[in-house]
Amino acid sequence: MIAELKNVVPELFDTGLTGVRLGVKTVDHPPRILMLYGSVRERSYSRLATEEAARLLTAMGADVRIFNPSGLPLPDDAADTHPKVMELREMVRWSEGMVWCSPER
């Protein structure tokens, strides 16, 4: 994956960030990061920025998933059982960290 990041020097990634070094309990899986963006336009710059950040996090060893907000209802506009609401909730439960990218309003 790092080979695809032409503007990144792999040697600069601090892969020695371990639980022991940080003083926290280690886990047996890569960090689970959920990426969220707010624009549903076909040419969404927040989506493109999110995808680039996901590539970097993946190159650093994270397990990354991106939530596509297309079809997500507005707050209080649908039941909790709406498929997109359920998908988002499941992804949130899965994640250990999140990166949000919102379009400028």
PDB file of N, CA and C in Angstrom:
ATOM      1  N   MET A   1       0.821  -1.200   0.000  1.00  0.00           N
ATOM      2  CA  MET A   1       0.000   0.000   0.000  1.00  0.00           C
ATOM      3  C   MET A   1       0.863   1.260   0.000  1.00  0.00           C
ATOM      4  N   ILE A   2       1.959   1.267   0.752  1.00  0.00           N
ATOM      5  CA  ILE A   2       2.798   2.463   0.831  1.00  0.00           C
ATOM      6  C   ILE A   2       3.375   2.804  -0.530  1.00  0.00           C
ATOM      7  N   ALA A   3       3.629   1.805  -1.364  1.00  0.00           N
ATOM      8  CA  ALA A   3       4.174   2.056  -2.696  1.00  0.00           C
ATOM      9  C   ALA A   3       3.247   2.937  -3.520  1.00  0.00           C
ATOM     10  N   GLU A   4       1.945   2.902  -3.250  1.00  0.00           N
ATOM     11  CA  GLU A   4       0.991   3.727  -3.978  1.00  0.00           C
ATOM     12  C   GLU A   4       0.999   5.183  -3.507  1.00  0.00           C
ATOM     13  N   LEU A   5       1.620   5.456  -2.374  1.00  0.00           N
ATOM     14  CA  LEU A   5       1.654   6.810  -1.827  1.00  0.00           C
ATOM     15  C   LEU A   5       2.938   7.488  -2.289  1.00  0.00           C
ATOM     16  N   LYS A   6       2.908   8.041  -3.470  1.00  0.00           N
ATOM     17  CA  LYS A   6       4.106   8.572  -4.102  1.00  0.00           C
ATOM     18  C   LYS A   6       4.709   9.775  -3.361  1.00  0.00           C
ATOM     19  N   ASN A   7       3.910  10.495  -2.598  1.00  0.00           N
ATOM     20  CA  ASN A   7       4.401  11.676  -1.900  1.00  0.00           C
ATOM     21  C   ASN A   7       4.775  11.391  -0.452  1.00  0.00           C
ATOM     22  N   VAL A   8       4.869  10.119  -0.082  1.00  0.00           N
ATOM     23  CA  VAL A   8       5.153   9.738   1.297  1.00  0.00           C
ATOM     24  C   VAL A   8       6.451   8.957   1.352  1.00  0.00           C
ATOM     25  N   VAL A   9       7.280   9.275   2.347  1.00  0.00           N
ATOM     26  CA  VAL A   9       8.514   8.539   2.580  1.00  0.00           C
ATOM     27  C   VAL A   9       8.210   7.508   3.665  1.00  0.00           C
ATOM     28  N   PRO A  10       8.124   6.228   3.319  1.00  0.00           N
ATOM     29  CA  PRO A  10       7.722   5.197   4.291  1.00  0.00           C
ATOM     30  C   PRO A  10       8.579   5.169   5.556  1.00  0.00           C
ATOM     31  N   GLU A  11       9.856   5.513   5.437  1.00  0.00           N
ATOM     32  CA  GLU A  11      10.744   5.488   6.590  1.00  0.00           C
ATOM     33  C   GLU A  11      10.334   6.505   7.666  1.00  0.00           C
ATOM     34  N   LEU A  12       9.517   7.474   7.299  1.00  0.00           N
ATOM     35  CA  LEU A  12       9.088   8.487   8.260  1.00  0.00           C
ATOM     36  C   LEU A  12       7.904   8.040   9.107  1.00  0.00           C
ATOM     37  N   PHE A  13       7.224   6.956   8.721  1.00  0.00           N
ATOM     38  CA  PHE A  13       6.138   6.427   9.539  1.00  0.00           C
ATOM     39  C   PHE A  13       6.735   5.867  10.820  1.00  0.00           C
ATOM     40  N   ASP A  14       6.196   6.259  11.945  1.00  0.00           N
ATOM     41  CA  ASP A  14       6.674   5.775  13.236  1.00  0.00           C
ATOM     42  C   ASP A  14       5.954   4.476  13.559  1.00  0.00           C
ATOM     43  N   THR A  15       6.467   3.380  13.020  1.00  0.00           N
ATOM     44  CA  THR A  15       5.809   2.091  13.239  1.00  0.00           C
ATOM     45  C   THR A  15       6.114   1.530  14.615  1.00  0.00           C
ATOM     46  N   GLY A  16       6.977   2.195  15.368  1.00  0.00           N
ATOM     47  CA  GLY A  16       7.314   1.713  16.704  1.00  0.00           C
ATOM     48  C   GLY A  16       6.354   2.180  17.774  1.00  0.00           C
ATOM     49  N   LEU A  17       5.219   2.751  17.395  1.00  0.00           N
ATOM     50  CA  LEU A  17       4.243   3.188  18.385  1.00  0.00           C
ATOM     51  C   LEU A  17       3.517   1.964  18.927  1.00  0.00           C
ATOM     52  N   THR A  18       4.009   1.441  20.008  1.00  0.00           N
ATOM     53  CA  THR A  18       3.429   0.240  20.600  1.00  0.00           C
ATOM     54  C   THR A  18       2.735   0.588  21.903  1.00  0.00           C
ATOM     55  N   GLY A  19       1.927  -0.327  22.378  1.00  0.00           N
ATOM     56  CA  GLY A  19       1.258  -0.132  23.652  1.00  0.00           C
ATOM     57  C   GLY A  19       2.241   0.050  24.788  1.00  0.00           C
ATOM     58  N   VAL A  20       3.335  -0.691  24.745  1.00  0.00           N
ATOM     59  CA  VAL A  20       4.350  -0.575  25.792  1.00  0.00           C
ATOM     60  C   VAL A  20       4.954   0.824  25.779  1.00  0.00           C
ATOM     61  N   ARG A  21       5.276   1.292  24.590  1.00  0.00           N
ATOM     62  CA  ARG A  21       5.890   2.615  24.471  1.00  0.00           C
ATOM     63  C   ARG A  21       4.941   3.730  24.884  1.00  0.00           C
ATOM     64  N   LEU A  22       3.647   3.543  24.609  1.00  0.00           N
ATOM     65  CA  LEU A  22       2.657   4.568  24.946  1.00  0.00           C
ATOM     66  C   LEU A  22       2.068   4.378  26.337  1.00  0.00           C
ATOM     67  N   GLY A  23       2.373   3.263  26.965  1.00  0.00           N
ATOM     68  CA  GLY A  23       1.855   3.011  28.302  1.00  0.00           C
ATOM     69  C   GLY A  23       0.383   2.626  28.329  1.00  0.00           C
ATOM     70  N   VAL A  24      -0.090   1.973  27.272  1.00  0.00           N
ATOM     71  CA  VAL A  24      -1.484   1.527  27.216  1.00  0.00           C
ATOM     72  C   VAL A  24      -1.519   0.038  26.907  1.00  0.00           C
ATOM     73  N   LYS A  25      -2.649  -0.574  27.181  1.00  0.00           N
ATOM     74  CA  LYS A  25      -2.824  -1.996  26.901  1.00  0.00           C
ATOM     75  C   LYS A  25      -2.769  -2.236  25.398  1.00  0.00           C
ATOM     76  N   THR A  26      -2.015  -3.237  24.997  1.00  0.00           N
ATOM     77  CA  THR A  26      -1.941  -3.567  23.575  1.00  0.00           C
ATOM     78  C   THR A  26      -3.144  -4.408  23.172  1.00  0.00           C
ATOM     79  N   VAL A  27      -3.508  -4.304  21.925  1.00  0.00           N
ATOM     80  CA  VAL A  27      -4.597  -5.106  21.372  1.00  0.00           C
ATOM     81  C   VAL A  27      -4.018  -5.971  20.258  1.00  0.00           C
ATOM     82  N   ASP A  28      -4.720  -7.036  19.932  1.00  0.00           N
ATOM     83  CA  ASP A  28      -4.198  -7.977  18.942  1.00  0.00           C
ATOM     84  C   ASP A  28      -4.703  -7.721  17.528  1.00  0.00           C
ATOM     85  N   HIS A  29      -5.182  -6.507  17.273  1.00  0.00           N
ATOM     86  CA  HIS A  29      -5.655  -6.164  15.935  1.00  0.00           C
ATOM     87  C   HIS A  29      -5.274  -4.710  15.628  1.00  0.00           C
ATOM     88  N   PRO A  30      -5.231  -4.369  14.344  1.00  0.00           N
ATOM     89  CA  PRO A  30      -4.943  -2.975  13.983  1.00  0.00           C
ATOM     90  C   PRO A  30      -6.044  -2.046  14.517  1.00  0.00           C
ATOM     91  N   PRO A  31      -5.726  -0.775  14.750  1.00  0.00           N
ATOM     92  CA  PRO A  31      -6.768   0.156  15.186  1.00  0.00           C
ATOM     93  C   PRO A  31      -7.880   0.250  14.149  1.00  0.00           C
ATOM     94  N   ARG A  32      -9.117   0.246  14.607  1.00  0.00           N
ATOM     95  CA  ARG A  32     -10.286   0.284  13.723  1.00  0.00           C
ATOM     96  C   ARG A  32     -10.767   1.728  13.611  1.00  0.00           C
ATOM     97  N   ILE A  33     -10.601   2.291  12.437  1.00  0.00           N
ATOM     98  CA  ILE A  33     -10.923   3.700  12.217  1.00  0.00           C
ATOM     99  C   ILE A  33     -12.089   3.811  11.238  1.00  0.00           C
ATOM    100  N   LEU A  34     -13.109   4.533  11.653  1.00  0.00           N
ATOM    101  CA  LEU A  34     -14.267   4.810  10.807  1.00  0.00           C
ATOM    102  C   LEU A  34     -14.111   6.210  10.236  1.00  0.00           C
ATOM    103  N   MET A  35     -14.222   6.312   8.933  1.00  0.00           N
ATOM    104  CA  MET A  35     -14.117   7.588   8.238  1.00  0.00           C
ATOM    105  C   MET A  35     -15.512   8.029   7.817  1.00  0.00           C
ATOM    106  N   LEU A  36     -15.854   9.280   8.103  1.00  0.00           N
ATOM    107  CA  LEU A  36     -17.170   9.822   7.764  1.00  0.00           C
ATOM    108  C   LEU A  36     -17.006  11.134   7.012  1.00  0.00           C
ATOM    109  N   TYR A  37     -17.805  11.306   5.972  1.00  0.00           N
ATOM    110  CA  TYR A  37     -17.822  12.573   5.248  1.00  0.00           C
ATOM    111  C   TYR A  37     -19.270  12.982   5.044  1.00  0.00           C
ATOM    112  N   GLY A  38     -19.502  14.277   4.805  1.00  0.00           N
ATOM    113  CA  GLY A  38     -20.868  14.765   4.814  1.00  0.00           C
ATOM    114  C   GLY A  38     -21.475  15.107   3.471  1.00  0.00           C
ATOM    115  N   SER A  39     -20.717  15.082   2.418  1.00  0.00           N
ATOM    116  CA  SER A  39     -21.247  15.482   1.126  1.00  0.00           C
ATOM    117  C   SER A  39     -21.660  14.257   0.315  1.00  0.00           C
ATOM    118  N   VAL A  40     -22.794  14.358  -0.364  1.00  0.00           N
ATOM    119  CA  VAL A  40     -23.248  13.251  -1.202  1.00  0.00           C
ATOM    120  C   VAL A  40     -23.160  13.594  -2.696  1.00  0.00           C
ATOM    121  N   ARG A  41     -22.516  14.725  -3.012  1.00  0.00           N
ATOM    122  CA  ARG A  41     -22.339  15.081  -4.422  1.00  0.00           C
ATOM    123  C   ARG A  41     -21.459  14.051  -5.122  1.00  0.00           C
ATOM    124  N   GLU A  42     -21.644  13.911  -6.434  1.00  0.00           N
ATOM    125  CA  GLU A  42     -20.836  12.963  -7.195  1.00  0.00           C
ATOM    126  C   GLU A  42     -19.357  13.341  -7.133  1.00  0.00           C
ATOM    127  N   ARG A  43     -19.035  14.616  -7.251  1.00  0.00           N
ATOM    128  CA  ARG A  43     -17.648  15.101  -7.170  1.00  0.00           C
ATOM    129  C   ARG A  43     -17.476  15.803  -5.823  1.00  0.00           C
ATOM    130  N   SER A  44     -17.381  15.037  -4.766  1.00  0.00           N
ATOM    131  CA  SER A  44     -17.303  15.563  -3.409  1.00  0.00           C
ATOM    132  C   SER A  44     -15.850  15.672  -2.959  1.00  0.00           C
ATOM    133  N   TYR A  45     -15.425  16.888  -2.668  1.00  0.00           N
ATOM    134  CA  TYR A  45     -14.043  17.081  -2.216  1.00  0.00           C
ATOM    135  C   TYR A  45     -13.845  16.537  -0.807  1.00  0.00           C
ATOM    136  N   SER A  46     -14.877  16.580   0.032  1.00  0.00           N
ATOM    137  CA  SER A  46     -14.729  15.994   1.366  1.00  0.00           C
ATOM    138  C   SER A  46     -14.595  14.473   1.266  1.00  0.00           C
ATOM    139  N   ARG A  47     -15.279  13.856   0.309  1.00  0.00           N
ATOM    140  CA  ARG A  47     -15.120  12.409   0.100  1.00  0.00           C
ATOM    141  C   ARG A  47     -13.716  12.093  -0.395  1.00  0.00           C
ATOM    142  N   LEU A  48     -13.218  12.899  -1.338  1.00  0.00           N
ATOM    143  CA  LEU A  48     -11.867  12.673  -1.857  1.00  0.00           C
ATOM    144  C   LEU A  48     -10.820  12.844  -0.756  1.00  0.00           C
ATOM    145  N   ALA A  49     -10.987  13.858   0.098  1.00  0.00           N
ATOM    146  CA  ALA A  49     -10.058  14.063   1.219  1.00  0.00           C
ATOM    147  C   ALA A  49     -10.141  12.894   2.193  1.00  0.00           C
ATOM    148  N   THR A  50     -11.345  12.394   2.424  1.00  0.00           N
ATOM    149  CA  THR A  50     -11.543  11.243   3.310  1.00  0.00           C
ATOM    150  C   THR A  50     -10.855  10.011   2.738  1.00  0.00           C
ATOM    151  N   GLU A  51     -11.010   9.781   1.442  1.00  0.00           N
ATOM    152  CA  GLU A  51     -10.371   8.618   0.817  1.00  0.00           C
ATOM    153  C   GLU A  51      -8.849   8.713   0.880  1.00  0.00           C
ATOM    154  N   GLU A  52      -8.305   9.912   0.733  1.00  0.00           N
ATOM    155  CA  GLU A  52      -6.848  10.077   0.824  1.00  0.00           C
ATOM    156  C   GLU A  52      -6.377   9.831   2.253  1.00  0.00           C
ATOM    157  N   ALA A  53      -7.119  10.354   3.229  1.00  0.00           N
ATOM    158  CA  ALA A  53      -6.764  10.106   4.629  1.00  0.00           C
ATOM    159  C   ALA A  53      -6.844   8.615   4.941  1.00  0.00           C
ATOM    160  N   ALA A  54      -7.828   7.929   4.379  1.00  0.00           N
ATOM    161  CA  ALA A  54      -7.972   6.487   4.589  1.00  0.00           C
ATOM    162  C   ALA A  54      -6.774   5.739   4.019  1.00  0.00           C
ATOM    163  N   ARG A  55      -6.288   6.166   2.859  1.00  0.00           N
ATOM    164  CA  ARG A  55      -5.100   5.533   2.265  1.00  0.00           C
ATOM    165  C   ARG A  55      -3.897   5.685   3.188  1.00  0.00           C
ATOM    166  N   LEU A  56      -3.740   6.870   3.770  1.00  0.00           N
ATOM    167  CA  LEU A  56      -2.612   7.098   4.685  1.00  0.00           C
ATOM    168  C   LEU A  56      -2.753   6.257   5.952  1.00  0.00           C
ATOM    169  N   LEU A  57      -3.944   6.240   6.525  1.00  0.00           N
ATOM    170  CA  LEU A  57      -4.152   5.449   7.741  1.00  0.00           C
ATOM    171  C   LEU A  57      -3.951   3.959   7.481  1.00  0.00           C
ATOM    172  N   THR A  58      -4.393   3.496   6.322  1.00  0.00           N
ATOM    173  CA  THR A  58      -4.194   2.094   5.968  1.00  0.00           C
ATOM    174  C   THR A  58      -2.697   1.796   5.825  1.00  0.00           C
ATOM    175  N   ALA A  59      -1.962   2.702   5.208  1.00  0.00           N
ATOM    176  CA  ALA A  59      -0.515   2.530   5.059  1.00  0.00           C
ATOM    177  C   ALA A  59       0.177   2.511   6.411  1.00  0.00           C
ATOM    178  N   MET A  60      -0.400   3.182   7.398  1.00  0.00           N
ATOM    179  CA  MET A  60       0.167   3.192   8.748  1.00  0.00           C
ATOM    180  C   MET A  60      -0.271   1.981   9.564  1.00  0.00           C
ATOM    181  N   GLY A  61      -1.099   1.118   8.966  1.00  0.00           N
ATOM    182  CA  GLY A  61      -1.465  -0.113   9.641  1.00  0.00           C
ATOM    183  C   GLY A  61      -2.860  -0.168  10.221  1.00  0.00           C
ATOM    184  N   ALA A  62      -3.687   0.833   9.981  1.00  0.00           N
ATOM    185  CA  ALA A  62      -5.044   0.844  10.531  1.00  0.00           C
ATOM    186  C   ALA A  62      -5.989   0.027   9.659  1.00  0.00           C
ATOM    187  N   ASP A  63      -7.036  -0.472  10.287  1.00  0.00           N
ATOM    188  CA  ASP A  63      -8.143  -1.119   9.586  1.00  0.00           C
ATOM    189  C   ASP A  63      -9.194  -0.026   9.390  1.00  0.00           C
ATOM    190  N   VAL A  64      -9.379   0.407   8.159  1.00  0.00           N
ATOM    191  CA  VAL A  64     -10.196   1.584   7.865  1.00  0.00           C
ATOM    192  C   VAL A  64     -11.460   1.199   7.110  1.00  0.00           C
ATOM    193  N   ARG A  65     -12.580   1.785   7.528  1.00  0.00           N
ATOM    194  CA  ARG A  65     -13.837   1.665   6.792  1.00  0.00           C
ATOM    195  C   ARG A  65     -14.394   3.061   6.581  1.00  0.00           C
ATOM    196  N   ILE A  66     -14.992   3.278   5.419  1.00  0.00           N
ATOM    197  CA  ILE A  66     -15.580   4.574   5.076  1.00  0.00           C
ATOM    198  C   ILE A  66     -17.091   4.416   4.981  1.00  0.00           C
ATOM    199  N   PHE A  67     -17.815   5.276   5.693  1.00  0.00           N
ATOM    200  CA  PHE A  67     -19.280   5.267   5.617  1.00  0.00           C
ATOM    201  C   PHE A  67     -19.723   6.213   4.514  1.00  0.00           C
ATOM    202  N   ASN A  68     -20.505   5.692   3.563  1.00  0.00           N
ATOM    203  CA  ASN A  68     -21.069   6.501   2.485  1.00  0.00           C
ATOM    204  C   ASN A  68     -22.437   7.016   2.954  1.00  0.00           C
ATOM    205  N   PRO A  69     -22.604   8.331   3.096  1.00  0.00           N
ATOM    206  CA  PRO A  69     -23.851   8.862   3.650  1.00  0.00           C
ATOM    207  C   PRO A  69     -25.021   8.903   2.668  1.00  0.00           C
ATOM    208  N   SER A  70     -24.814   8.516   1.417  1.00  0.00           N
ATOM    209  CA  SER A  70     -25.912   8.540   0.445  1.00  0.00           C
ATOM    210  C   SER A  70     -27.072   7.688   0.942  1.00  0.00           C
ATOM    211  N   GLY A  71     -28.245   8.272   0.997  1.00  0.00           N
ATOM    212  CA  GLY A  71     -29.435   7.555   1.439  1.00  0.00           C
ATOM    213  C   GLY A  71     -29.701   7.645   2.925  1.00  0.00           C
ATOM    214  N   LEU A  72     -28.781   8.251   3.675  1.00  0.00           N
ATOM    215  CA  LEU A  72     -29.000   8.418   5.112  1.00  0.00           C
ATOM    216  C   LEU A  72     -30.078   9.477   5.333  1.00  0.00           C
ATOM    217  N   PRO A  73     -31.134   9.159   6.070  1.00  0.00           N
ATOM    218  CA  PRO A  73     -32.195  10.147   6.274  1.00  0.00           C
ATOM    219  C   PRO A  73     -31.754  11.270   7.202  1.00  0.00           C
ATOM    220  N   LEU A  74     -32.453  12.381   7.136  1.00  0.00           N
ATOM    221  CA  LEU A  74     -32.198  13.488   8.050  1.00  0.00           C
ATOM    222  C   LEU A  74     -32.578  13.072   9.471  1.00  0.00           C
ATOM    223  N   PRO A  75     -32.012  13.744  10.489  1.00  0.00           N
ATOM    224  CA  PRO A  75     -32.385  13.407  11.869  1.00  0.00           C
ATOM    225  C   PRO A  75     -33.899  13.492  12.068  1.00  0.00           C
ATOM    226  N   ASP A  76     -34.444  12.556  12.797  1.00  0.00           N
ATOM    227  CA  ASP A  76     -35.875  12.477  13.111  1.00  0.00           C
ATOM    228  C   ASP A  76     -36.752  12.352  11.866  1.00  0.00           C
ATOM    229  N   ASP A  77     -36.183  11.885  10.763  1.00  0.00           N
ATOM    230  CA  ASP A  77     -36.941  11.768   9.522  1.00  0.00           C
ATOM    231  C   ASP A  77     -37.255  10.320   9.155  1.00  0.00           C
ATOM    232  N   ALA A  78     -36.694   9.376   9.932  1.00  0.00           N
ATOM    233  CA  ALA A  78     -36.927   7.961   9.642  1.00  0.00           C
ATOM    234  C   ALA A  78     -36.792   7.170  10.942  1.00  0.00           C
ATOM    235  N   ALA A  79     -37.305   5.973  10.905  1.00  0.00           N
ATOM    236  CA  ALA A  79     -37.230   5.097  12.076  1.00  0.00           C
ATOM    237  C   ALA A  79     -35.792   4.630  12.309  1.00  0.00           C
ATOM    238  N   ASP A  80     -35.515   4.220  13.549  1.00  0.00           N
ATOM    239  CA  ASP A  80     -34.196   3.694  13.895  1.00  0.00           C
ATOM    240  C   ASP A  80     -33.859   2.433  13.110  1.00  0.00           C
ATOM    241  N   THR A  81     -34.858   1.822  12.523  1.00  0.00           N
ATOM    242  CA  THR A  81     -34.641   0.591  11.764  1.00  0.00           C
ATOM    243  C   THR A  81     -34.321   0.840  10.290  1.00  0.00           C
ATOM    244  N   HIS A  82     -34.218   2.117   9.902  1.00  0.00           N
ATOM    245  CA  HIS A  82     -33.844   2.441   8.522  1.00  0.00           C
ATOM    246  C   HIS A  82     -32.495   1.784   8.227  1.00  0.00           C
ATOM    247  N   PRO A  83     -32.344   1.151   7.067  1.00  0.00           N
ATOM    248  CA  PRO A  83     -31.104   0.418   6.752  1.00  0.00           C
ATOM    249  C   PRO A  83     -29.829   1.253   6.872  1.00  0.00           C
ATOM    250  N   LYS A  84     -29.853   2.501   6.425  1.00  0.00           N
ATOM    251  CA  LYS A  84     -28.637   3.331   6.504  1.00  0.00           C
ATOM    252  C   LYS A  84     -28.327   3.714   7.949  1.00  0.00           C
ATOM    253  N   VAL A  85     -29.352   3.926   8.763  1.00  0.00           N
ATOM    254  CA  VAL A  85     -29.146   4.224  10.183  1.00  0.00           C
ATOM    255  C   VAL A  85     -28.528   3.005  10.866  1.00  0.00           C
ATOM    256  N   MET A  86     -29.056   1.836  10.564  1.00  0.00           N
ATOM    257  CA  MET A  86     -28.522   0.605  11.159  1.00  0.00           C
ATOM    258  C   MET A  86     -27.086   0.347  10.709  1.00  0.00           C
ATOM    259  N   GLU A  87     -26.793   0.617   9.436  1.00  0.00           N
ATOM    260  CA  GLU A  87     -25.427   0.451   8.924  1.00  0.00           C
ATOM    261  C   GLU A  87     -24.459   1.369   9.663  1.00  0.00           C
ATOM    262  N   LEU A  88     -24.842   2.632   9.824  1.00  0.00           N
ATOM    263  CA  LEU A  88     -23.984   3.588  10.520  1.00  0.00           C
ATOM    264  C   LEU A  88     -23.766   3.172  11.969  1.00  0.00           C
ATOM    265  N   ARG A  89     -24.816   2.784  12.641  1.00  0.00           N
ATOM    266  CA  ARG A  89     -24.680   2.367  14.053  1.00  0.00           C
ATOM    267  C   ARG A  89     -23.752   1.167  14.190  1.00  0.00           C
ATOM    268  N   GLU A  90     -23.855   0.205  13.290  1.00  0.00           N
ATOM    269  CA  GLU A  90     -22.987  -0.968  13.346  1.00  0.00           C
ATOM    270  C   GLU A  90     -21.529  -0.568  13.117  1.00  0.00           C
ATOM    271  N   MET A  91     -21.298   0.334  12.187  1.00  0.00           N
ATOM    272  CA  MET A  91     -19.926   0.784  11.922  1.00  0.00           C
ATOM    273  C   MET A  91     -19.367   1.553  13.118  1.00  0.00           C
ATOM    274  N   VAL A  92     -20.202   2.334  13.779  1.00  0.00           N
ATOM    275  CA  VAL A  92     -19.766   3.070  14.971  1.00  0.00           C
ATOM    276  C   VAL A  92     -19.391   2.088  16.079  1.00  0.00           C
ATOM    277  N   ARG A  93     -20.194   1.049  16.274  1.00  0.00           N
ATOM    278  CA  ARG A  93     -19.874   0.037  17.296  1.00  0.00           C
ATOM    279  C   ARG A  93     -18.556  -0.677  16.974  1.00  0.00           C
ATOM    280  N   TRP A  94     -18.307  -0.913  15.693  1.00  0.00           N
ATOM    281  CA  TRP A  94     -17.081  -1.582  15.269  1.00  0.00           C
ATOM    282  C   TRP A  94     -15.843  -0.720  15.517  1.00  0.00           C
ATOM    283  N   SER A  95     -15.970   0.586  15.349  1.00  0.00           N
ATOM    284  CA  SER A  95     -14.802   1.472  15.338  1.00  0.00           C
ATOM    285  C   SER A  95     -14.230   1.734  16.728  1.00  0.00           C
ATOM    286  N   GLU A  96     -12.944   2.060  16.724  1.00  0.00           N
ATOM    287  CA  GLU A  96     -12.248   2.487  17.938  1.00  0.00           C
ATOM    288  C   GLU A  96     -11.822   3.952  17.837  1.00  0.00           C
ATOM    289  N   GLY A  97     -11.988   4.516  16.669  1.00  0.00           N
ATOM    290  CA  GLY A  97     -11.666   5.909  16.428  1.00  0.00           C
ATOM    291  C   GLY A  97     -12.370   6.361  15.167  1.00  0.00           C
ATOM    292  N   MET A  98     -12.561   7.665  15.037  1.00  0.00           N
ATOM    293  CA  MET A  98     -13.251   8.210  13.862  1.00  0.00           C
ATOM    294  C   MET A  98     -12.505   9.422  13.320  1.00  0.00           C
ATOM    295  N   VAL A  99     -12.637   9.600  12.015  1.00  0.00           N
ATOM    296  CA  VAL A  99     -12.161  10.811  11.343  1.00  0.00           C
ATOM    297  C   VAL A  99     -13.359  11.361  10.590  1.00  0.00           C
ATOM    298  N   TRP A 100     -13.709  12.610  10.873  1.00  0.00           N
ATOM    299  CA  TRP A 100     -14.855  13.261  10.235  1.00  0.00           C
ATOM    300  C   TRP A 100     -14.345  14.307   9.252  1.00  0.00           C
ATOM    301  N   CYS A 101     -14.960  14.376   8.095  1.00  0.00           N
ATOM    302  CA  CYS A 101     -14.646  15.413   7.115  1.00  0.00           C
ATOM    303  C   CYS A 101     -15.962  15.989   6.642  1.00  0.00           C
ATOM    304  N   SER A 102     -16.165  17.271   6.888  1.00  0.00           N
ATOM    305  CA  SER A 102     -17.438  17.903   6.572  1.00  0.00           C
ATOM    306  C   SER A 102     -17.255  18.954   5.490  1.00  0.00           C
ATOM    307  N   PRO A 103     -18.205  19.019   4.558  1.00  0.00           N
ATOM    308  CA  PRO A 103     -18.109  20.080   3.558  1.00  0.00           C
ATOM    309  C   PRO A 103     -18.314  21.441   4.219  1.00  0.00           C
ATOM    310  N   GLU A 104     -17.718  22.444   3.608  1.00  0.00           N
ATOM    311  CA  GLU A 104     -17.879  23.806   4.130  1.00  0.00           C
ATOM    312  C   GLU A 104     -19.291  24.288   3.810  1.00  0.00           C
ATOM    313  N   ARG A 105     -19.911  24.924   4.756  1.00  0.00           N
ATOM    314  CA  ARG A 105     -21.277  25.429   4.564  1.00  0.00           C
ATOM    315  C   ARG A 105     -21.297  26.924   4.751  1.00  0.00           C
TER     316      ARG A 105
END
